[in-house]
Amino acid sequence: MKIGFIGLGNMAKAMIGGMIAKKMVTGADVIGSAKTEATILAMRERYGIETTLDNGRVAMDSDVLFLAVKPQFFGEVLPGIKEFIKKDALIVSIAAGKSIADIEAILGKDKKIVRCMPNTPALVGEGCTGACRNENVTDGEMAKCMELLQSFGIAQEVPERLIDAVSGVSGCSPAYVFMFLEALADGAVEAGMPRKQAYTFAAQAVMGSAKLMLETGKHPGELKDMVTSPAGTTIEGVRVLEEKGFRGAVIAAVKASVEKNKNM
């Protein structure tokens, strides 16, 4: 099975790296295209994949074809590869805001299409991906696609109506988490901790908290209550966050991201 990537940016790099690291494919099983010689040379040297500047060649050779170009370039790139796509190829789009119907309108309703939304933690093998499919994709084909997506984190199938929510809660939220980490570190620096150490403490606390919730299966409210002792330091901080509208700001940010994704 040949895996193709049109576009070799950071997300494609994360996906290819994950697939090879998990030994799901070898470099020889992957072909990718990009706009510049520098990009394809770097990817060929790092992962041993086949590379080209010709998108049509990638489409022609691929059994699973990942569309890893930015959504604003779909109108330029997709018509140019339509005639080269294999009849039974599985086409996987990672572009925000581009629906299955949008892709079908360019490539044809007979194509097997999966739309997915990964996030940047895929770069370290901790991605979170939501995926949906059109009616042409069989259960077996979707299972294989999910196996590939799970090589760089967790992946779950969702109905397409929830893809915008996936974008808001996992696709965009790393940026919010990084802002939170920076603010946590700023608070520690104000209290006298060196900046580098503050980032380490903040990042480990956030990573450990997320892992605790995932592995225990406990409700986040229950875990919060475990930390907040009566008349203690944590409940004092929680009080300030509530006064400043912390929850409401986060909810509003996710809602804004969802709406933007719908209207792209």
Protein backbone atom coordinates (compact mmCIF):
# COMPACT_ATOMS: atom_id res chain seq x y z
CA MET A 1 0.00 0.00 0.00
CA LYS A 2 1.38 3.38 -1.04
CA ILE A 3 0.64 6.40 1.18
CA GLY A 4 0.75 9.78 -0.53
CA PHE A 5 0.93 13.31 0.84
CA ILE A 6 0.23 16.42 -1.18
CA GLY A 7 1.80 19.04 1.02
CA LEU A 8 4.70 18.34 3.38
CA GLY A 9 4.25 20.94 6.11
CA ASN A 10 4.42 20.43 9.87
CA MET A 11 1.27 18.33 10.12
CA ALA A 12 2.27 16.05 7.25
CA LYS A 13 5.69 15.72 8.85
CA ALA A 14 4.09 14.68 12.14
CA MET A 15 1.84 12.15 10.45
CA ILE A 16 4.61 10.60 8.36
CA GLY A 17 6.91 10.48 11.37
CA GLY A 18 4.25 8.76 13.46
CA MET A 19 3.45 6.15 10.84
CA ILE A 20 7.12 5.29 10.35
CA ALA A 21 7.90 5.29 14.08
CA LYS A 22 5.03 2.86 14.72
CA LYS A 23 6.34 0.70 11.84
CA MET A 24 3.00 0.91 10.05
CA VAL A 25 4.87 1.93 6.92
CA THR A 26 8.48 2.35 5.80
CA GLY A 27 9.89 5.36 4.03
CA ALA A 28 9.66 3.42 0.77
CA ASP A 29 5.88 3.15 1.24
CA VAL A 30 5.39 6.94 1.31
CA ILE A 31 5.48 9.52 -1.47
CA GLY A 32 5.01 13.23 -0.96
CA SER A 33 5.02 16.47 -2.90
CA ALA A 34 5.70 20.07 -1.95
CA LYS A 35 6.28 23.40 -3.67
CA THR A 36 10.01 23.71 -3.04
CA GLU A 37 13.11 21.62 -3.61
CA ALA A 38 14.31 22.45 -0.11
CA THR A 39 11.21 20.92 1.50
CA ILE A 40 11.24 17.70 -0.48
CA LEU A 41 14.98 17.28 0.04
CA ALA A 42 14.62 17.71 3.80
CA MET A 43 11.77 15.16 3.97
CA ARG A 44 13.62 12.67 1.79
CA GLU A 45 16.72 12.91 3.96
CA ARG A 46 14.85 12.74 7.27
CA TYR A 47 12.39 9.94 6.56
CA GLY A 48 13.67 8.22 3.43
CA ILE A 49 10.40 8.81 1.58
CA GLU A 50 10.00 9.31 -2.14
CA THR A 51 9.47 12.98 -3.00
CA THR A 52 8.52 15.03 -6.02
CA LEU A 53 7.38 18.48 -7.06
CA ASP A 54 4.61 16.86 -9.14
CA ASN A 55 1.28 16.56 -7.30
CA GLY A 56 -0.15 14.46 -10.13
CA ARG A 57 2.52 11.82 -9.68
CA VAL A 58 1.66 11.52 -5.98
CA ALA A 59 -2.04 11.16 -6.80
CA MET A 60 -1.31 8.56 -9.46
CA ASP A 61 0.81 6.39 -7.16
CA SER A 62 -1.22 6.57 -3.92
CA ASP A 63 -3.65 4.06 -2.48
CA VAL A 64 -4.27 6.41 0.45
CA LEU A 65 -3.89 10.07 -0.48
CA PHE A 66 -3.59 12.72 2.23
CA LEU A 67 -4.52 16.24 1.19
CA ALA A 68 -2.24 18.22 3.49
CA VAL A 69 -2.44 21.62 1.81
CA LYS A 70 -4.00 24.69 3.37
CA PRO A 71 -7.72 25.13 2.63
CA GLN A 72 -7.16 28.32 0.62
CA PHE A 73 -5.16 26.29 -1.91
CA PHE A 74 -7.80 23.59 -2.49
CA GLY A 75 -9.27 25.39 -5.49
CA GLU A 76 -5.84 25.49 -7.09
CA VAL A 77 -4.50 22.05 -6.17
CA LEU A 78 -7.46 19.65 -6.31
CA PRO A 79 -8.55 20.24 -9.94
CA GLY A 80 -4.97 19.55 -11.00
CA ILE A 81 -4.91 16.06 -9.44
CA LYS A 82 -8.47 14.91 -10.16
CA GLU A 83 -7.63 12.97 -13.32
CA PHE A 84 -4.66 11.21 -11.70
CA ILE A 85 -6.38 9.77 -8.59
CA LYS A 86 -6.73 5.99 -8.56
CA LYS A 87 -10.27 4.69 -8.89
CA ASP A 88 -10.36 3.05 -5.43
CA ALA A 89 -8.00 5.42 -3.64
CA LEU A 90 -8.93 6.64 -0.17
CA ILE A 91 -8.66 10.44 -0.04
CA VAL A 92 -8.03 11.93 3.41
CA SER A 93 -8.31 15.68 3.89
CA ILE A 94 -6.86 17.50 6.91
CA ALA A 95 -7.98 20.97 5.79
CA ALA A 96 -10.01 23.06 8.24
CA GLY A 97 -13.37 24.28 7.02
CA LYS A 98 -13.52 22.12 3.89
CA SER A 99 -16.51 19.77 4.06
CA ILE A 100 -16.87 16.42 2.36
CA ALA A 101 -19.34 18.10 -0.02
CA ASP A 102 -16.72 20.76 -0.87
CA ILE A 103 -14.21 18.06 -1.78
CA GLU A 104 -16.78 16.01 -3.70
CA ALA A 105 -17.71 19.11 -5.70
CA ILE A 106 -14.16 19.23 -7.06
CA LEU A 107 -13.10 15.58 -7.19
CA GLY A 108 -16.46 13.90 -7.78
CA LYS A 109 -19.10 12.18 -5.65
CA ASP A 110 -17.75 8.76 -6.63
CA LYS A 111 -14.56 9.28 -4.62
CA LYS A 112 -13.86 7.68 -1.24
CA ILE A 113 -13.34 10.65 1.09
CA VAL A 114 -12.40 10.97 4.75
CA ARG A 115 -12.32 14.38 6.39
CA CYS A 116 -10.25 14.69 9.54
CA MET A 117 -9.01 17.32 11.96
CA PRO A 118 -5.70 16.52 13.69
CA ASN A 119 -3.84 18.93 15.98
CA THR A 120 -0.24 20.06 16.45
CA PRO A 121 0.62 17.77 19.42
CA ALA A 122 0.80 15.11 16.71
CA LEU A 123 4.34 16.45 16.29
CA VAL A 124 5.27 14.64 19.52
CA GLY A 125 2.98 11.64 19.02
CA GLU A 126 0.22 13.02 21.25
CA GLY A 127 -2.24 14.22 18.65
CA CYS A 128 -6.03 14.19 18.89
CA THR A 129 -7.90 13.60 15.63
CA GLY A 130 -11.58 13.50 14.76
CA ALA A 131 -12.54 11.92 11.43
CA CYS A 132 -15.67 11.38 9.34
CA ARG A 133 -16.31 9.70 5.98
CA ASN A 134 -18.62 9.78 3.01
CA GLU A 135 -20.86 6.88 2.07
CA ASN A 136 -18.33 5.42 -0.37
CA VAL A 137 -15.84 4.50 2.37
CA THR A 138 -16.31 0.96 3.70
CA ASP A 139 -15.93 -0.03 7.34
CA GLY A 140 -12.69 -1.85 6.50
CA GLU A 141 -11.25 1.18 4.71
CA MET A 142 -12.21 3.45 7.59
CA ALA A 143 -10.62 1.06 10.09
CA LYS A 144 -7.37 1.21 8.13
CA CYS A 145 -7.54 4.99 7.97
CA MET A 146 -8.12 5.21 11.73
CA GLU A 147 -5.14 2.92 12.31
CA LEU A 148 -2.95 5.36 10.37
CA LEU A 149 -4.36 8.35 12.27
CA GLN A 150 -3.77 6.63 15.61
CA SER A 151 -0.07 6.29 14.83
CA PHE A 152 0.49 9.86 16.07
CA GLY A 153 -2.04 10.07 18.92
CA ILE A 154 -5.66 9.21 19.59
CA ALA A 155 -8.26 9.27 16.83
CA GLN A 156 -12.01 8.78 16.90
CA GLU A 157 -14.67 8.69 14.22
CA VAL A 158 -17.36 11.36 14.59
CA PRO A 159 -20.29 12.49 12.44
CA GLU A 160 -19.38 15.37 10.16
CA ARG A 161 -21.69 17.72 12.06
CA LEU A 162 -19.22 17.48 14.98
CA ILE A 163 -16.03 18.21 13.01
CA ASP A 164 -16.34 21.93 13.70
CA ALA A 165 -16.57 21.13 17.42
CA VAL A 166 -13.48 18.92 17.09
CA SER A 167 -11.67 21.90 15.61
CA GLY A 168 -12.71 24.10 18.52
CA VAL A 169 -11.94 21.68 21.36
CA SER A 170 -8.75 20.03 20.07
CA GLY A 171 -7.64 21.61 16.82
CA CYS A 172 -7.40 25.17 18.13
CA SER A 173 -7.07 24.57 21.86
CA PRO A 174 -3.31 23.91 21.95
CA ALA A 175 -2.94 27.66 21.40
CA TYR A 176 -5.17 28.34 24.41
CA VAL A 177 -3.21 25.85 26.51
CA PHE A 178 0.06 27.52 25.56
CA MET A 179 -1.39 30.88 26.59
CA PHE A 180 -2.44 29.33 29.91
CA LEU A 181 1.04 27.83 30.38
CA GLU A 182 2.65 31.17 29.67
CA ALA A 183 0.36 32.86 32.18
CA LEU A 184 1.07 30.20 34.83
CA ALA A 185 4.78 30.70 34.32
CA ASP A 186 4.39 34.48 34.52
CA GLY A 187 2.73 34.05 37.89
CA ALA A 188 5.58 31.86 39.10
CA VAL A 189 8.15 34.36 37.81
CA GLU A 190 6.36 37.12 39.71
CA ALA A 191 6.76 34.96 42.82
CA GLY A 192 10.52 34.71 42.19
CA MET A 193 10.98 31.52 40.18
CA PRO A 194 13.44 31.60 37.22
CA ARG A 195 11.62 31.73 33.86
CA LYS A 196 12.95 28.44 32.45
CA GLN A 197 12.08 26.55 35.61
CA ALA A 198 8.64 28.17 35.71
CA TYR A 199 7.86 26.87 32.20
CA THR A 200 8.97 23.37 33.19
CA PHE A 201 6.83 23.32 36.33
CA ALA A 202 3.79 24.74 34.51
CA ALA A 203 4.07 22.35 31.55
CA GLN A 204 4.52 19.27 33.72
CA ALA A 205 1.56 20.26 35.88
CA VAL A 206 -0.71 20.63 32.84
CA MET A 207 0.51 17.41 31.22
CA GLY A 208 0.18 15.46 34.46
CA SER A 209 -3.31 16.83 35.12
CA ALA A 210 -4.52 15.83 31.66
CA LYS A 211 -3.01 12.36 32.03
CA LEU A 212 -4.61 11.96 35.44
CA MET A 213 -8.05 12.68 34.01
CA LEU A 214 -7.60 10.37 31.01
CA GLU A 215 -6.21 7.46 33.01
CA THR A 216 -8.58 7.64 35.99
CA GLY A 217 -11.68 8.46 33.96
CA LYS A 218 -12.77 10.82 36.72
CA HIS A 219 -14.83 13.93 35.98
CA PRO A 220 -12.62 17.04 35.89
CA GLY A 221 -14.81 18.64 38.55
CA GLU A 222 -14.13 15.71 40.87
CA LEU A 223 -10.39 16.00 40.29
CA LYS A 224 -10.55 19.74 40.91
CA ASP A 225 -12.31 19.10 44.23
CA MET A 226 -9.52 16.69 45.22
CA VAL A 227 -7.05 19.58 45.04
CA THR A 228 -9.14 22.28 46.69
CA SER A 229 -8.78 21.86 50.45
CA PRO A 230 -11.10 23.89 52.71
CA ALA A 231 -9.75 27.42 53.24
CA GLY A 232 -6.62 26.45 51.27
CA THR A 233 -4.48 28.06 48.62
CA THR A 234 -6.10 26.36 45.63
CA ILE A 235 -9.67 27.41 46.39
CA GLU A 236 -8.42 30.98 46.73
CA GLY A 237 -7.01 30.78 43.20
CA VAL A 238 -10.21 29.15 41.92
CA ARG A 239 -12.21 32.02 43.41
CA VAL A 240 -10.13 34.56 41.50
CA LEU A 241 -10.46 32.63 38.22
CA GLU A 242 -14.24 32.52 38.65
CA GLU A 243 -14.35 36.25 39.41
CA LYS A 244 -12.35 36.98 36.26
CA GLY A 245 -14.65 34.88 34.07
CA PHE A 246 -12.16 32.11 33.31
CA ARG A 247 -14.74 29.47 32.32
CA GLY A 248 -16.81 31.88 30.28
CA ALA A 249 -13.77 33.13 28.37
CA VAL A 250 -12.72 29.58 27.46
CA ILE A 251 -16.24 28.62 26.35
CA ALA A 252 -16.47 31.79 24.26
CA ALA A 253 -13.10 31.08 22.64
CA VAL A 254 -14.14 27.54 21.64
CA LYS A 255 -17.46 28.85 20.31
CA ALA A 256 -15.68 31.51 18.25
CA SER A 257 -13.31 28.92 16.77
CA VAL A 258 -16.22 26.62 15.89
CA GLU A 259 -18.08 29.43 14.13
CA LYS A 260 -14.97 30.46 12.20
CA ASN A 261 -14.43 26.87 11.06
CA LYS A 262 -18.03 26.68 9.84
CA ASN A 263 -17.65 29.85 7.77
CA MET A 264 -14.23 29.25 6.19
